PDB file of N, CA and C in Angstrom:
ATOM      1  N   LEU A   1       2.819 -56.814-154.755  1.00  0.00           N
ATOM      2  CA  LEU A   1       3.178 -57.697-153.635  1.00  0.00           C
ATOM      3  C   LEU A   1       3.267 -59.154-154.060  1.00  0.00           C
ATOM      4  N   GLN A   2       2.884 -59.458-155.249  1.00  0.00           N
ATOM      5  CA  GLN A   2       2.965 -60.864-155.685  1.00  0.00           C
ATOM      6  C   GLN A   2       4.471 -61.291-155.826  1.00  0.00           C
ATOM      7  N   ASP A   3       5.313 -60.385-156.019  1.00  0.00           N
ATOM      8  CA  ASP A   3       6.752 -60.785-156.203  1.00  0.00           C
ATOM      9  C   ASP A   3       7.535 -60.828-154.917  1.00  0.00           C
ATOM     10  N   ILE A   4       6.858 -60.564-153.759  1.00  0.00           N
ATOM     11  CA  ILE A   4       7.542 -60.588-152.458  1.00  0.00           C
ATOM     12  C   ILE A   4       7.278 -61.923-151.785  1.00  0.00           C
ATOM     13  N   PRO A   5       8.313 -62.676-151.460  1.00  0.00           N
ATOM     14  CA  PRO A   5       8.122 -63.961-150.759  1.00  0.00           C
ATOM     15  C   PRO A   5       7.587 -63.716-149.363  1.00  0.00           C
ATOM     16  N   ILE A   6       6.628 -64.534-148.974  1.00  0.00           N
ATOM     17  CA  ILE A   6       6.107 -64.435-147.642  1.00  0.00           C
ATOM     18  C   ILE A   6       6.385 -65.747-146.877  1.00  0.00           C
ATOM     19  N   ALA A   7       7.082 -65.603-145.749  1.00  0.00           N
ATOM     20  CA  ALA A   7       7.414 -66.780-144.854  1.00  0.00           C
ATOM     21  C   ALA A   7       6.704 -66.560-143.573  1.00  0.00           C
ATOM     22  N   VAL A   8       5.908 -67.606-143.127  1.00  0.00           N
ATOM     23  CA  VAL A   8       5.180 -67.469-141.882  1.00  0.00           C
ATOM     24  C   VAL A   8       5.932 -68.186-140.785  1.00  0.00           C
ATOM     25  N   LEU A   9       6.113 -67.486-139.684  1.00  0.00           N
ATOM     26  CA  LEU A   9       6.730 -68.014-138.454  1.00  0.00           C
ATOM     27  C   LEU A   9       5.612 -68.137-137.452  1.00  0.00           C
ATOM     28  N   THR A  10       5.396 -69.349-136.957  1.00  0.00           N
ATOM     29  CA  THR A  10       4.262 -69.636-136.081  1.00  0.00           C
ATOM     30  C   THR A  10       4.646 -70.672-135.021  1.00  0.00           C
ATOM     31  N   THR A  11       3.834 -70.793-133.966  1.00  0.00           N
ATOM     32  CA  THR A  11       4.059 -71.786-133.000  1.00  0.00           C
ATOM     33  C   THR A  11       3.292 -73.079-133.348  1.00  0.00           C
ATOM     34  N   SER A  12       2.460 -73.005-134.354  1.00  0.00           N
ATOM     35  CA  SER A  12       1.642 -74.163-134.739  1.00  0.00           C
ATOM     36  C   SER A  12       2.391 -75.104-135.590  1.00  0.00           C
ATOM     37  N   ARG A  13       2.133 -76.391-135.445  1.00  0.00           N
ATOM     38  CA  ARG A  13       2.690 -77.403-136.258  1.00  0.00           C
ATOM     39  C   ARG A  13       1.513 -78.253-136.907  1.00  0.00           C
ATOM     40  N   GLU A  14       0.329 -77.653-136.879  1.00  0.00           N
ATOM     41  CA  GLU A  14      -0.811 -78.326-137.411  1.00  0.00           C
ATOM     42  C   GLU A  14      -0.883 -78.204-138.899  1.00  0.00           C
ATOM     43  N   LYS A  15      -1.223 -79.329-139.588  1.00  0.00           N
ATOM     44  CA  LYS A  15      -1.274 -79.363-141.019  1.00  0.00           C
ATOM     45  C   LYS A  15      -2.329 -78.364-141.547  1.00  0.00           C
ATOM     46  N   ASP A  16      -3.430 -78.244-140.850  1.00  0.00           N
ATOM     47  CA  ASP A  16      -4.491 -77.304-141.259  1.00  0.00           C
ATOM     48  C   ASP A  16      -4.002 -75.907-141.292  1.00  0.00           C
ATOM     49  N   ASP A  17      -3.172 -75.530-140.319  1.00  0.00           N
ATOM     50  CA  ASP A  17      -2.612 -74.162-140.247  1.00  0.00           C
ATOM     51  C   ASP A  17      -1.611 -73.938-141.424  1.00  0.00           C
ATOM     52  N   PHE A  18      -0.911 -74.998-141.754  1.00  0.00           N
ATOM     53  CA  PHE A  18       0.012 -74.875-142.923  1.00  0.00           C
ATOM     54  C   PHE A  18      -0.811 -74.683-144.167  1.00  0.00           C
ATOM     55  N   ILE A  19      -1.886 -75.376-144.340  1.00  0.00           N
ATOM     56  CA  ILE A  19      -2.710 -75.242-145.539  1.00  0.00           C
ATOM     57  C   ILE A  19      -3.326 -73.851-145.554  1.00  0.00           C
ATOM     58  N   LYS A  20      -3.811 -73.346-144.444  1.00  0.00           N
ATOM     59  CA  LYS A  20      -4.433 -72.052-144.448  1.00  0.00           C
ATOM     60  C   LYS A  20      -3.421 -70.962-144.816  1.00  0.00           C
ATOM     61  N   CYS A  21      -2.175 -71.101-144.371  1.00  0.00           N
ATOM     62  CA  CYS A  21      -1.130 -70.155-144.723  1.00  0.00           C
ATOM     63  C   CYS A  21      -0.842 -70.149-146.193  1.00  0.00           C
ATOM     64  N   ARG A  22      -0.801 -71.336-146.800  1.00  0.00           N
ATOM     65  CA  ARG A  22      -0.584 -71.450-148.274  1.00  0.00           C
ATOM     66  C   ARG A  22      -1.719 -70.826-149.021  1.00  0.00           C
ATOM     67  N   GLU A  23      -2.956 -71.128-148.558  1.00  0.00           N
ATOM     68  CA  GLU A  23      -4.157 -70.547-149.209  1.00  0.00           C
ATOM     69  C   GLU A  23      -4.106 -69.029-149.112  1.00  0.00           C
ATOM     70  N   ALA A  24      -3.608 -68.484-148.055  1.00  0.00           N
ATOM     71  CA  ALA A  24      -3.516 -67.018-147.817  1.00  0.00           C
ATOM     72  C   ALA A  24      -2.416 -66.390-148.605  1.00  0.00           C
ATOM     73  N   GLY A  25      -1.566 -67.162-149.238  1.00  0.00           N
ATOM     74  CA  GLY A  25      -0.499 -66.624-150.100  1.00  0.00           C
ATOM     75  C   GLY A  25       0.927 -66.791-149.606  1.00  0.00           C
ATOM     76  N   ALA A  26       1.081 -67.485-148.516  1.00  0.00           N
ATOM     77  CA  ALA A  26       2.425 -67.714-147.943  1.00  0.00           C
ATOM     78  C   ALA A  26       3.177 -68.677-148.840  1.00  0.00           C
ATOM     79  N   ASN A  27       4.501 -68.384-148.994  1.00  0.00           N
ATOM     80  CA  ASN A  27       5.390 -69.188-149.777  1.00  0.00           C
ATOM     81  C   ASN A  27       6.061 -70.278-148.935  1.00  0.00           C
ATOM     82  N   SER A  28       6.330 -69.904-147.675  1.00  0.00           N
ATOM     83  CA  SER A  28       7.092 -70.761-146.778  1.00  0.00           C
ATOM     84  C   SER A  28       6.444 -70.704-145.405  1.00  0.00           C
ATOM     85  N   PHE A  29       6.814 -71.786-144.627  1.00  0.00           N
ATOM     86  CA  PHE A  29       6.126 -71.933-143.309  1.00  0.00           C
ATOM     87  C   PHE A  29       7.140 -72.567-142.380  1.00  0.00           C
ATOM     88  N   ILE A  30       7.375 -71.982-141.228  1.00  0.00           N
ATOM     89  CA  ILE A  30       8.328 -72.511-140.238  1.00  0.00           C
ATOM     90  C   ILE A  30       7.736 -72.394-138.897  1.00  0.00           C
ATOM     91  N   SER A  31       7.892 -73.453-138.067  1.00  0.00           N
ATOM     92  CA  SER A  31       7.359 -73.519-136.715  1.00  0.00           C
ATOM     93  C   SER A  31       8.400 -73.178-135.670  1.00  0.00           C
ATOM     94  N   LYS A  32       8.004 -72.400-134.659  1.00  0.00           N
ATOM     95  CA  LYS A  32       8.875 -72.129-133.535  1.00  0.00           C
ATOM     96  C   LYS A  32       8.785 -73.272-132.557  1.00  0.00           C
ATOM     97  N   PRO A  33       9.780 -73.615-131.832  1.00  0.00           N
ATOM     98  CA  PRO A  33      11.161 -72.988-131.941  1.00  0.00           C
ATOM     99  C   PRO A  33      11.806 -73.641-133.214  1.00  0.00           C
ATOM    100  N   ALA A  34      12.448 -72.786-133.976  1.00  0.00           N
ATOM    101  CA  ALA A  34      13.160 -73.192-135.148  1.00  0.00           C
ATOM    102  C   ALA A  34      14.673 -73.176-134.877  1.00  0.00           C
ATOM    103  N   SER A  35      15.320 -74.190-135.322  1.00  0.00           N
ATOM    104  CA  SER A  35      16.791 -74.265-135.160  1.00  0.00           C
ATOM    105  C   SER A  35      17.431 -73.384-136.199  1.00  0.00           C
ATOM    106  N   PHE A  36      18.728 -73.058-135.956  1.00  0.00           N
ATOM    107  CA  PHE A  36      19.484 -72.273-136.900  1.00  0.00           C
ATOM    108  C   PHE A  36      19.487 -72.940-138.290  1.00  0.00           C
ATOM    109  N   SER A  37      19.685 -74.219-138.291  1.00  0.00           N
ATOM    110  CA  SER A  37      19.770 -74.903-139.560  1.00  0.00           C
ATOM    111  C   SER A  37      18.385 -74.844-140.330  1.00  0.00           C
ATOM    112  N   GLU A  38      17.292 -74.853-139.596  1.00  0.00           N
ATOM    113  CA  GLU A  38      16.008 -74.719-140.219  1.00  0.00           C
ATOM    114  C   GLU A  38      15.853 -73.275-140.845  1.00  0.00           C
ATOM    115  N   TRP A  39      16.328 -72.238-140.173  1.00  0.00           N
ATOM    116  CA  TRP A  39      16.375 -70.892-140.716  1.00  0.00           C
ATOM    117  C   TRP A  39      17.184 -70.830-141.982  1.00  0.00           C
ATOM    118  N   ILE A  40      18.340 -71.472-141.998  1.00  0.00           N
ATOM    119  CA  ILE A  40      19.250 -71.456-143.166  1.00  0.00           C
ATOM    120  C   ILE A  40      18.541 -72.143-144.308  1.00  0.00           C
ATOM    121  N   LYS A  41      17.931 -73.258-144.043  1.00  0.00           N
ATOM    122  CA  LYS A  41      17.183 -73.949-145.051  1.00  0.00           C
ATOM    123  C   LYS A  41      16.110 -73.138-145.691  1.00  0.00           C
ATOM    124  N   LEU A  42      15.328 -72.428-144.832  1.00  0.00           N
ATOM    125  CA  LEU A  42      14.246 -71.544-145.324  1.00  0.00           C
ATOM    126  C   LEU A  42      14.845 -70.440-146.141  1.00  0.00           C
ATOM    127  N   MET A  43      15.896 -69.795-145.707  1.00  0.00           N
ATOM    128  CA  MET A  43      16.473 -68.669-146.411  1.00  0.00           C
ATOM    129  C   MET A  43      17.006 -69.118-147.799  1.00  0.00           C
ATOM    130  N   ARG A  44      17.621 -70.273-147.844  1.00  0.00           N
ATOM    131  CA  ARG A  44      18.151 -70.815-149.057  1.00  0.00           C
ATOM    132  C   ARG A  44      16.994 -71.113-150.035  1.00  0.00           C
ATOM    133  N   SER A  45      15.952 -71.682-149.488  1.00  0.00           N
ATOM    134  CA  SER A  45      14.832 -72.006-150.345  1.00  0.00           C
ATOM    135  C   SER A  45      14.194 -70.739-150.960  1.00  0.00           C
ATOM    136  N   LEU A  46      14.087 -69.707-150.131  1.00  0.00           N
ATOM    137  CA  LEU A  46      13.513 -68.444-150.633  1.00  0.00           C
ATOM    138  C   LEU A  46      14.487 -67.809-151.700  1.00  0.00           C
ATOM    139  N   ALA A  47      15.767 -67.879-151.388  1.00  0.00           N
ATOM    140  CA  ALA A  47      16.768 -67.310-152.295  1.00  0.00           C
ATOM    141  C   ALA A  47      16.761 -68.034-153.647  1.00  0.00           C
ATOM    142  N   ASP A  48      16.714 -69.328-153.600  1.00  0.00           N
ATOM    143  CA  ASP A  48      16.684 -70.126-154.824  1.00  0.00           C
ATOM    144  C   ASP A  48      15.483 -69.885-155.666  1.00  0.00           C
ATOM    145  N   THR A  49      14.364 -69.640-155.012  1.00  0.00           N
ATOM    146  CA  THR A  49      13.156 -69.442-155.744  1.00  0.00           C
ATOM    147  C   THR A  49      12.926 -68.008-156.122  1.00  0.00           C
ATOM    148  N   TRP A  50      13.350 -67.031-155.314  1.00  0.00           N
ATOM    149  CA  TRP A  50      12.942 -65.618-155.550  1.00  0.00           C
ATOM    150  C   TRP A  50      14.073 -64.706-156.017  1.00  0.00           C
ATOM    151  N   LEU A  51      15.256 -65.085-155.853  1.00  0.00           N
ATOM    152  CA  LEU A  51      16.369 -64.133-156.192  1.00  0.00           C
ATOM    153  C   LEU A  51      17.065 -64.607-157.470  1.00  0.00           C
ATOM    154  N   VAL A  52      17.326 -63.631-158.333  1.00  0.00           N
ATOM    155  CA  VAL A  52      18.005 -63.926-159.573  1.00  0.00           C
ATOM    156  C   VAL A  52      19.528 -63.811-159.216  1.00  0.00           C
ATOM    157  N   THR A  53      20.248 -64.848-159.557  1.00  0.00           N
ATOM    158  CA  THR A  53      21.694 -64.853-159.254  1.00  0.00           C
ATOM    159  C   THR A  53      22.488 -64.848-160.474  1.00  0.00           C
ATOM    160  N   GLU A  54      21.905 -65.018-161.640  1.00  0.00           N
ATOM    161  CA  GLU A  54      22.569 -65.011-162.952  1.00  0.00           C
ATOM    162  C   GLU A  54      21.912 -64.034-163.865  1.00  0.00           C
ATOM    163  N   TYR A  55      22.748 -63.481-164.798  1.00  0.00           N
ATOM    164  CA  TYR A  55      22.198 -62.539-165.793  1.00  0.00           C
ATOM    165  C   TYR A  55      22.065 -63.162-167.077  1.00  0.00           C
TER     166      TYR A  55
END
């Protein structure tokens, strides 16, 4: 499971909750309501970090 990116979707915008998510192993954190552009930014970030696009 270490190779699987974890993105947390939450209603919280508290810094402590962000820290707890990171400590629990989350790679990304996004608060609801999230705009479409925020989703795109999150997906690009995960793709850039976790997906191999070159051989």
